C-alpha atoms as a PDB file:
ATOM      1  CA  MET A   1       0.000   0.000   0.000  1.00  0.00           C
ATOM      2  CA  THR A   2       1.837   3.110  -1.174  1.00  0.00           C
ATOM      3  CA  GLY A   3       1.163   6.575   0.191  1.00  0.00           C
ATOM      4  CA  ALA A   4      -0.474   5.111   3.292  1.00  0.00           C
ATOM      5  CA  SER A   5       0.513   7.639   5.942  1.00  0.00           C
ATOM      6  CA  ARG A   6      -2.864   9.412   5.817  1.00  0.00           C
ATOM      7  CA  GLY A   7      -5.902  10.185   3.670  1.00  0.00           C
ATOM      8  CA  ILE A   8      -7.038   7.661   1.077  1.00  0.00           C
ATOM      9  CA  GLY A   9      -3.972   5.485   1.649  1.00  0.00           C
ATOM     10  CA  ARG A  10      -4.656   5.161   5.360  1.00  0.00           C
ATOM     11  CA  ALA A  11      -8.321   4.331   4.734  1.00  0.00           C
ATOM     12  CA  VAL A  12      -7.355   1.632   2.212  1.00  0.00           C
ATOM     13  CA  ALA A  13      -4.817   0.140   4.629  1.00  0.00           C
ATOM     14  CA  VAL A  14      -7.462   0.002   7.368  1.00  0.00           C
ATOM     15  CA  ALA A  15      -9.965  -1.647   5.010  1.00  0.00           C
ATOM     16  CA  PHE A  16      -7.548  -4.443   4.118  1.00  0.00           C
ATOM     17  CA  ALA A  17      -6.406  -4.977   7.705  1.00  0.00           C
ATOM     18  CA  THR A  18     -10.002  -5.060   8.919  1.00  0.00           C
ATOM     19  CA  ALA A  19     -10.631  -7.867   6.439  1.00  0.00           C
ATOM     20  CA  GLY A  20      -7.749  -9.840   7.964  1.00  0.00           C
ATOM     21  CA  ASP A  21      -4.925  -8.950   5.585  1.00  0.00           C
ATOM     22  CA  ARG A  22      -1.419  -7.945   6.610  1.00  0.00           C
ATOM     23  CA  VAL A  23      -0.386  -4.594   5.167  1.00  0.00           C
ATOM     24  CA  ALA A  24       2.900  -2.923   4.226  1.00  0.00           C
ATOM     25  CA  VAL A  25       2.497   0.810   4.876  1.00  0.00           C
ATOM     26  CA  GLN A  26       4.768   2.843   2.585  1.00  0.00           C
ATOM     27  CA  TYR A  27       5.611   6.457   3.369  1.00  0.00           C
ATOM     28  CA  VAL A  28       8.222   9.055   2.410  1.00  0.00           C
ATOM     29  CA  SER A  29       8.826  11.491   5.261  1.00  0.00           C
ATOM     30  CA  ARG A  30       5.748  11.583   7.501  1.00  0.00           C
ATOM     31  CA  ARG A  31       6.882   8.796   9.819  1.00  0.00           C
ATOM     32  CA  GLU A  32       4.643   9.834  12.711  1.00  0.00           C
ATOM     33  CA  ASP A  33       1.610   9.725  10.427  1.00  0.00           C
ATOM     34  CA  ALA A  34       2.679   6.344   9.047  1.00  0.00           C
ATOM     35  CA  GLU A  35       3.116   5.008  12.576  1.00  0.00           C
ATOM     36  CA  GLU A  36      -0.374   6.284  13.406  1.00  0.00           C
ATOM     37  CA  THR A  37      -1.710   4.355  10.394  1.00  0.00           C
ATOM     38  CA  LEU A  38       0.064   1.268  11.722  1.00  0.00           C
ATOM     39  CA  ARG A  39      -1.565   1.757  15.147  1.00  0.00           C
ATOM     40  CA  LEU A  40      -4.988   1.962  13.524  1.00  0.00           C
ATOM     41  CA  LEU A  41      -4.637  -1.362  11.712  1.00  0.00           C
ATOM     42  CA  PRO A  42      -6.427  -4.334  13.312  1.00  0.00           C
ATOM     43  CA  GLY A  43      -4.475  -7.560  13.561  1.00  0.00           C
ATOM     44  CA  SER A  44      -0.735  -8.073  13.575  1.00  0.00           C
ATOM     45  CA  GLY A  45       2.177  -8.554  11.192  1.00  0.00           C
ATOM     46  CA  HIS A  46       1.881  -5.187   9.457  1.00  0.00           C
ATOM     47  CA  VAL A  47       5.092  -3.399   8.459  1.00  0.00           C
ATOM     48  CA  LEU A  48       6.329   0.112   7.734  1.00  0.00           C
ATOM     49  CA  VAL A  49       8.357   0.692   4.575  1.00  0.00           C
ATOM     50  CA  ARG A  50      10.049   4.011   3.876  1.00  0.00           C
ATOM     51  CA  GLY A  51      10.973   5.125   0.373  1.00  0.00           C
ATOM     52  CA  ASP A  52      10.798   8.189  -1.863  1.00  0.00           C
ATOM     53  CA  LEU A  53       9.253   6.618  -4.929  1.00  0.00           C
ATOM     54  CA  GLY A  54      10.544   9.414  -7.144  1.00  0.00           C
ATOM     55  CA  GLU A  55      14.118   8.285  -6.551  1.00  0.00           C
ATOM     56  CA  GLU A  56      15.793   5.740  -8.802  1.00  0.00           C
ATOM     57  CA  GLY A  57      15.635   2.244  -7.350  1.00  0.00           C
ATOM     58  CA  ALA A  58      13.161   3.144  -4.593  1.00  0.00           C
ATOM     59  CA  PRO A  59      10.146   1.252  -5.994  1.00  0.00           C
ATOM     60  CA  GLU A  60      12.094  -2.017  -6.223  1.00  0.00           C
ATOM     61  CA  GLN A  61      13.435  -1.470  -2.699  1.00  0.00           C
ATOM     62  CA  VAL A  62       9.939  -0.837  -1.337  1.00  0.00           C
ATOM     63  CA  VAL A  63       8.612  -4.051  -2.882  1.00  0.00           C
ATOM     64  CA  SER A  64      11.634  -6.023  -1.662  1.00  0.00           C
ATOM     65  CA  GLU A  65      11.153  -4.772   1.908  1.00  0.00           C
ATOM     66  CA  ALA A  66       7.417  -5.437   1.770  1.00  0.00           C
ATOM     67  CA  VAL A  67       8.013  -9.015   0.623  1.00  0.00           C
ATOM     68  CA  ALA A  68      10.627  -9.502   3.339  1.00  0.00           C
ATOM     69  CA  GLY A  69       8.336  -8.098   6.024  1.00  0.00           C
ATOM     70  CA  LEU A  70       5.141  -9.871   4.968  1.00  0.00           C
ATOM     71  CA  GLY A  71       6.572 -13.045   3.479  1.00  0.00           C
ATOM     72  CA  GLN A  72       4.758 -12.432   0.210  1.00  0.00           C
ATOM     73  CA  VAL A  73       2.730  -9.741  -1.534  1.00  0.00           C
ATOM     74  CA  ASP A  74      -0.579 -10.567  -3.216  1.00  0.00           C
ATOM     75  CA  VAL A  75      -2.013  -7.080  -3.786  1.00  0.00           C
ATOM     76  CA  LEU A  76      -0.413  -3.809  -4.863  1.00  0.00           C
ATOM     77  CA  VAL A  77      -2.305  -0.539  -4.409  1.00  0.00           C
ATOM     78  CA  ASN A  78      -0.583   2.290  -6.273  1.00  0.00           C
ATOM     79  CA  ASN A  79      -1.867   5.254  -4.288  1.00  0.00           C
ATOM     80  CA  ALA A  80       1.240   7.396  -3.702  1.00  0.00           C
ATOM     81  CA  ALA A  81       1.209  10.576  -5.771  1.00  0.00           C
ATOM     82  CA  VAL A  82       2.305  14.178  -5.888  1.00  0.00           C
ATOM     83  CA  ALA A  83      -1.108  15.806  -5.507  1.00  0.00           C
ATOM     84  CA  PRO A  84      -2.168  19.233  -6.804  1.00  0.00           C
ATOM     85  CA  SER A  85      -1.450  22.069  -4.401  1.00  0.00           C
ATOM     86  CA  ALA A  86      -0.853  25.801  -4.398  1.00  0.00           C
ATOM     87  CA  ALA A  87       2.876  25.106  -4.277  1.00  0.00           C
ATOM     88  CA  ASN A  88       2.927  23.095  -7.508  1.00  0.00           C
ATOM     89  CA  ARG A  89       0.274  25.034  -9.449  1.00  0.00           C
ATOM     90  CA  HIS A  90       1.559  25.443 -13.010  1.00  0.00           C
ATOM     91  CA  PRO A  91      -0.921  26.957 -15.503  1.00  0.00           C
ATOM     92  CA  VAL A  92       0.891  27.235 -18.810  1.00  0.00           C
ATOM     93  CA  ALA A  93       0.344  30.991 -19.185  1.00  0.00           C
ATOM     94  CA  ASP A  94       1.671  31.848 -15.720  1.00  0.00           C
ATOM     95  CA  VAL A  95       4.856  29.875 -15.012  1.00  0.00           C
ATOM     96  CA  PRO A  96       8.366  30.027 -16.475  1.00  0.00           C
ATOM     97  CA  LEU A  97       9.763  27.018 -18.300  1.00  0.00           C
ATOM     98  CA  ASP A  98      12.110  25.917 -15.507  1.00  0.00           C
ATOM     99  CA  ALA A  99       9.244  25.784 -12.976  1.00  0.00           C
ATOM    100  CA  TRP A 100       7.043  24.028 -15.554  1.00  0.00           C
ATOM    101  CA  ARG A 101       9.687  21.372 -16.144  1.00  0.00           C
ATOM    102  CA  THR A 102      10.331  20.833 -12.441  1.00  0.00           C
ATOM    103  CA  VAL A 103       6.680  20.124 -11.660  1.00  0.00           C
ATOM    104  CA  TRP A 104       6.165  17.923 -14.711  1.00  0.00           C
ATOM    105  CA  ARG A 105       9.170  15.757 -13.977  1.00  0.00           C
ATOM    106  CA  ARG A 106       8.358  15.253 -10.312  1.00  0.00           C
ATOM    107  CA  MET A 107       4.713  14.376 -10.982  1.00  0.00           C
ATOM    108  CA  ILE A 108       5.521  11.998 -13.820  1.00  0.00           C
ATOM    109  CA  ASP A 109       8.324  10.367 -11.810  1.00  0.00           C
ATOM    110  CA  VAL A 110       6.100   9.650  -8.799  1.00  0.00           C
ATOM    111  CA  ASN A 111       2.592   9.371 -10.225  1.00  0.00           C
ATOM    112  CA  LEU A 112       3.420   7.285 -13.292  1.00  0.00           C
ATOM    113  CA  LEU A 113       6.951   5.911 -13.495  1.00  0.00           C
ATOM    114  CA  ALA A 114       7.107   4.793  -9.867  1.00  0.00           C
ATOM    115  CA  ALA A 115       3.746   3.046 -10.253  1.00  0.00           C
ATOM    116  CA  ALA A 116       5.071   1.321 -13.368  1.00  0.00           C
ATOM    117  CA  ASP A 117       8.194   0.121 -11.534  1.00  0.00           C
ATOM    118  CA  LEU A 118       6.176  -1.039  -8.517  1.00  0.00           C
ATOM    119  CA  THR A 119       3.832  -2.930 -10.819  1.00  0.00           C
ATOM    120  CA  TRP A 120       6.774  -4.576 -12.564  1.00  0.00           C
ATOM    121  CA  ALA A 121       8.320  -5.650  -9.265  1.00  0.00           C
ATOM    122  CA  VAL A 122       5.090  -7.034  -7.792  1.00  0.00           C
ATOM    123  CA  ALA A 123       4.120  -8.708 -11.058  1.00  0.00           C
ATOM    124  CA  ARG A 124       7.478 -10.456 -11.291  1.00  0.00           C
ATOM    125  CA  HIS A 125       7.146 -11.545  -7.656  1.00  0.00           C
ATOM    126  CA  LEU A 126       3.722 -13.050  -8.407  1.00  0.00           C
ATOM    127  CA  VAL A 127       4.779 -14.665 -11.683  1.00  0.00           C
ATOM    128  CA  ASP A 128       7.867 -16.191 -10.079  1.00  0.00           C
ATOM    129  CA  ARG A 129       5.663 -17.641  -7.342  1.00  0.00           C
ATOM    130  CA  GLY A 130       3.141 -18.905  -9.867  1.00  0.00           C
ATOM    131  CA  ALA A 131       0.487 -17.001  -7.959  1.00  0.00           C
ATOM    132  CA  GLY A 132      -2.360 -14.766  -9.046  1.00  0.00           C
ATOM    133  CA  GLY A 133      -2.897 -11.362  -7.521  1.00  0.00           C
ATOM    134  CA  HIS A 134      -4.301  -7.882  -7.965  1.00  0.00           C
ATOM    135  CA  VAL A 135      -3.013  -4.407  -8.800  1.00  0.00           C
ATOM    136  CA  VAL A 136      -5.278  -1.431  -8.133  1.00  0.00           C
ATOM    137  CA  ASN A 137      -4.200   2.009  -9.332  1.00  0.00           C
ATOM    138  CA  VAL A 138      -5.603   5.155  -7.734  1.00  0.00           C
ATOM    139  CA  GLY A 139      -6.171   7.500 -10.647  1.00  0.00           C
ATOM    140  CA  SER A 140      -8.304  10.616 -10.806  1.00  0.00           C
ATOM    141  CA  ARG A 141     -11.367  12.264 -12.282  1.00  0.00           C
ATOM    142  CA  GLY A 142      -8.884  14.887 -13.474  1.00  0.00           C
ATOM    143  CA  ALA A 143      -7.608  12.454 -16.092  1.00  0.00           C
ATOM    144  CA  PHE A 144     -10.928  12.852 -17.914  1.00  0.00           C
ATOM    145  CA  ARG A 145     -12.175  16.376 -17.217  1.00  0.00           C
ATOM    146  CA  GLY A 146      -8.770  18.089 -17.381  1.00  0.00           C
ATOM    147  CA  GLU A 147      -6.640  19.937 -14.842  1.00  0.00           C
ATOM    148  CA  PRO A 148      -5.877  23.362 -16.340  1.00  0.00           C
ATOM    149  CA  GLU A 149      -3.978  24.604 -13.277  1.00  0.00           C
ATOM    150  CA  HIS A 150      -2.195  21.266 -12.773  1.00  0.00           C
ATOM    151  CA  PRO A 151      -1.862  19.756 -16.258  1.00  0.00           C
ATOM    152  CA  ALA A 152       0.991  17.456 -15.247  1.00  0.00           C
ATOM    153  CA  TYR A 153      -1.252  15.871 -12.632  1.00  0.00           C
ATOM    154  CA  GLY A 154      -4.069  15.254 -15.089  1.00  0.00           C
ATOM    155  CA  ALA A 155      -1.654  13.847 -17.649  1.00  0.00           C
ATOM    156  CA  SER A 156       0.064  11.581 -15.126  1.00  0.00           C
ATOM    157  CA  LYS A 157      -3.252  10.115 -14.004  1.00  0.00           C
ATOM    158  CA  ALA A 158      -4.488   9.633 -17.575  1.00  0.00           C
ATOM    159  CA  ALA A 159      -1.253   7.816 -18.346  1.00  0.00           C
ATOM    160  CA  LEU A 160      -1.639   5.708 -15.191  1.00  0.00           C
ATOM    161  CA  HIS A 161      -5.092   4.620 -16.367  1.00  0.00           C
ATOM    162  CA  ALA A 162      -3.752   3.693 -19.796  1.00  0.00           C
ATOM    163  CA  PHE A 163      -0.785   1.869 -18.291  1.00  0.00           C
ATOM    164  CA  GLY A 164      -3.093  -0.134 -16.046  1.00  0.00           C
ATOM    165  CA  GLN A 165      -5.228  -1.236 -18.963  1.00  0.00           C
ATOM    166  CA  SER A 166      -2.140  -2.394 -20.853  1.00  0.00           C
ATOM    167  CA  MET A 167      -1.053  -4.375 -17.801  1.00  0.00           C
ATOM    168  CA  ALA A 168      -4.539  -5.864 -17.438  1.00  0.00           C
ATOM    169  CA  VAL A 169      -4.100  -7.503 -20.837  1.00  0.00           C
ATOM    170  CA  ALA A 170      -0.442  -8.429 -20.265  1.00  0.00           C
ATOM    171  CA  LEU A 171      -0.936  -9.982 -16.833  1.00  0.00           C
ATOM    172  CA  ALA A 172      -4.267 -11.755 -17.266  1.00  0.00           C
ATOM    173  CA  PRO A 173      -2.566 -14.953 -18.515  1.00  0.00           C
ATOM    174  CA  HIS A 174      -0.772 -15.043 -15.161  1.00  0.00           C
ATOM    175  CA  GLY A 175      -3.988 -14.704 -13.163  1.00  0.00           C
ATOM    176  CA  ILE A 176      -3.229 -11.102 -12.166  1.00  0.00           C
ATOM    177  CA  SER A 177      -5.993  -8.499 -12.442  1.00  0.00           C
ATOM    178  CA  VAL A 178      -5.256  -4.797 -12.884  1.00  0.00           C
ATOM    179  CA  THR A 179      -7.908  -2.161 -12.244  1.00  0.00           C
ATOM    180  CA  ALA A 180      -8.178   1.497 -11.295  1.00  0.00           C
ATOM    181  CA  VAL A 181     -10.382   3.898  -9.393  1.00  0.00           C
ATOM    182  CA  ALA A 182     -10.830   7.504 -10.495  1.00  0.00           C
ATOM    183  CA  PRO A 183     -11.925   9.557  -7.488  1.00  0.00           C
ATOM    184  CA  GLY A 184     -13.286  13.061  -7.656  1.00  0.00           C
ATOM    185  CA  PHE A 185     -12.787  15.478  -4.761  1.00  0.00           C
ATOM    186  CA  ILE A 186     -12.301  13.510  -1.546  1.00  0.00           C
ATOM    187  CA  ALA A 187     -12.507  14.811   2.014  1.00  0.00           C
ATOM    188  CA  THR A 188      -9.108  14.122   3.550  1.00  0.00           C
ATOM    189  CA  GLU A 189      -6.951  15.891   6.125  1.00  0.00           C
ATOM    190  CA  ARG A 190      -5.117  17.660   3.310  1.00  0.00           C
ATOM    191  CA  GLN A 191      -8.362  19.111   1.953  1.00  0.00           C
ATOM    192  CA  SER A 192      -9.970  20.158   5.231  1.00  0.00           C
ATOM    193  CA  ALA A 193      -9.044  23.828   4.841  1.00  0.00           C
ATOM    194  CA  LYS A 194     -10.640  24.004   1.392  1.00  0.00           C
ATOM    195  CA  LEU A 195     -13.818  22.322   2.554  1.00  0.00           C
ATOM    196  CA  SER A 196     -14.234  24.571   5.579  1.00  0.00           C
ATOM    197  CA  GLY A 197     -13.314  27.733   3.687  1.00  0.00           C
ATOM    198  CA  ALA A 198     -14.838  29.809   0.912  1.00  0.00           C
ATOM    199  CA  GLU A 199     -14.406  27.018  -1.650  1.00  0.00           C
ATOM    200  CA  GLY A 200     -16.306  24.437   0.373  1.00  0.00           C
ATOM    201  CA  ASP A 201     -19.804  25.057  -0.949  1.00  0.00           C
ATOM    202  CA  ALA A 202     -18.614  25.126  -4.565  1.00  0.00           C
ATOM    203  CA  LEU A 203     -16.747  21.852  -4.114  1.00  0.00           C
ATOM    204  CA  ARG A 204     -19.789  20.163  -2.597  1.00  0.00           C
ATOM    205  CA  ALA A 205     -21.988  21.559  -5.378  1.00  0.00           C
ATOM    206  CA  GLN A 206     -19.920  19.734  -8.004  1.00  0.00           C
ATOM    207  CA  SER A 207     -21.914  16.603  -7.182  1.00  0.00           C
ATOM    208  CA  PRO A 208     -25.721  16.417  -7.344  1.00  0.00           C
ATOM    209  CA  PHE A 209     -25.483  14.628  -3.987  1.00  0.00           C
ATOM    210  CA  GLY A 210     -24.369  17.960  -2.533  1.00  0.00           C
ATOM    211  CA  ARG A 211     -21.253  16.602  -0.867  1.00  0.00           C
ATOM    212  CA  VAL A 212     -17.754  15.359  -1.595  1.00  0.00           C
ATOM    213  CA  GLY A 213     -16.549  11.780  -1.352  1.00  0.00           C
ATOM    214  CA  THR A 214     -14.914  10.128   1.625  1.00  0.00           C
ATOM    215  CA  ALA A 215     -11.674   8.191   1.863  1.00  0.00           C
ATOM    216  CA  GLU A 216     -13.641   5.236   3.201  1.00  0.00           C
ATOM    217  CA  GLU A 217     -15.764   5.111   0.053  1.00  0.00           C
ATOM    218  CA  VAL A 218     -12.636   4.951  -2.080  1.00  0.00           C
ATOM    219  CA  ALA A 219     -11.169   2.305   0.231  1.00  0.00           C
ATOM    220  CA  ALA A 220     -14.264   0.120  -0.086  1.00  0.00           C
ATOM    221  CA  ALA A 221     -14.018   0.235  -3.878  1.00  0.00           C
ATOM    222  CA  VAL A 222     -10.304  -0.542  -3.859  1.00  0.00           C
ATOM    223  CA  HIS A 223     -10.831  -3.462  -1.511  1.00  0.00           C
ATOM    224  CA  TYR A 224     -13.526  -4.898  -3.761  1.00  0.00           C
ATOM    225  CA  LEU A 225     -11.392  -4.539  -6.900  1.00  0.00           C
ATOM    226  CA  ALA A 226      -8.585  -6.414  -5.145  1.00  0.00           C
ATOM    227  CA  SER A 227     -10.867  -9.364  -4.371  1.00  0.00           C
ATOM    228  CA  ALA A 228     -11.186 -12.639  -6.235  1.00  0.00           C
ATOM    229  CA  GLU A 229     -14.814 -11.747  -6.996  1.00  0.00           C
ATOM    230  CA  ALA A 230     -13.660  -8.720  -9.004  1.00  0.00           C
ATOM    231  CA  THR A 231     -11.120 -10.513 -11.177  1.00  0.00           C
ATOM    232  CA  TRP A 232     -13.473 -10.333 -14.164  1.00  0.00           C
ATOM    233  CA  ALA A 233     -13.459  -6.530 -13.803  1.00  0.00           C
ATOM    234  CA  SER A 234      -9.769  -6.444 -14.779  1.00  0.00           C
ATOM    235  CA  GLY A 235      -9.086  -3.487 -17.049  1.00  0.00           C
ATOM    236  CA  THR A 236     -11.870  -1.357 -15.621  1.00  0.00           C
ATOM    237  CA  ILE A 237     -11.550   2.235 -14.402  1.00  0.00           C
ATOM    238  CA  LEU A 238     -14.181   2.828 -11.731  1.00  0.00           C
ATOM    239  CA  ASP A 239     -15.421   6.414 -11.424  1.00  0.00           C
ATOM    240  CA  LEU A 240     -15.903   7.531  -7.822  1.00  0.00           C
ATOM    241  CA  ASN A 241     -17.042  11.118  -8.179  1.00  0.00           C
ATOM    242  CA  GLY A 242     -20.715  11.265  -7.138  1.00  0.00           C
ATOM    243  CA  ALA A 243     -21.857  11.980 -10.718  1.00  0.00           C
ATOM    244  CA  SER A 244     -19.811  15.195 -10.715  1.00  0.00           C
ATOM    245  CA  HIS A 245     -18.244  14.208 -14.045  1.00  0.00           C
ATOM    246  CA  LEU A 246     -19.808  11.774 -16.491  1.00  0.00           C
ATOM    247  CA  ARG A 247     -17.835  10.305 -19.378  1.00  0.00           C
ATOM    248  CA  THR A 248     -18.977   8.340 -22.396  1.00  0.00           C
END
């Protein structure tokens, strides 16, 4: 479980642990938050794994440590990402080329290339064991509706969706399913200021339900897609946006 120190990642980790699974909680720098996630997990045998997935070799190291700590890995959830923020806002008309390049490279490195390397490492682990398994990618509604102030984010998530569908075809003969969820705006700790501030009503109004999604709703969908019952859904991208964006 990558990016599990808080938010969606923490909720997904809790969902799997509640169902009796052992979880490897990956984090970059927020060790206290990651340790809090670990404390929230029912059961025993869970492990912490530190690694900056944007660094060369880190994805393979994370998978290796997860396998060593758990004994084996059956499910990979690619959740870690550089999310849109005021600090990495990069509308094309407003930022110089050096800033543009910096944001693009970091987002592509973490949101796409790291997920690709993690998928490779887990897939090879499963294939070598002769075992089936599941990969679930956490994409975004922004891949479909566009992210004009954070185009690198939208592009990285669109590419992640496409990558996952390619892997769904490539790994099906090995009994490995690959799916994705595409959440809209989700209420997490990181978004609390927006939701309680002037933007809150507008964000809730994006959905005809009049609210934003919860991390637990995303976690429930991820947990289902990683189940044996959802194997036939391999290749799907599940929209989780409360009808705030409909695609055809």
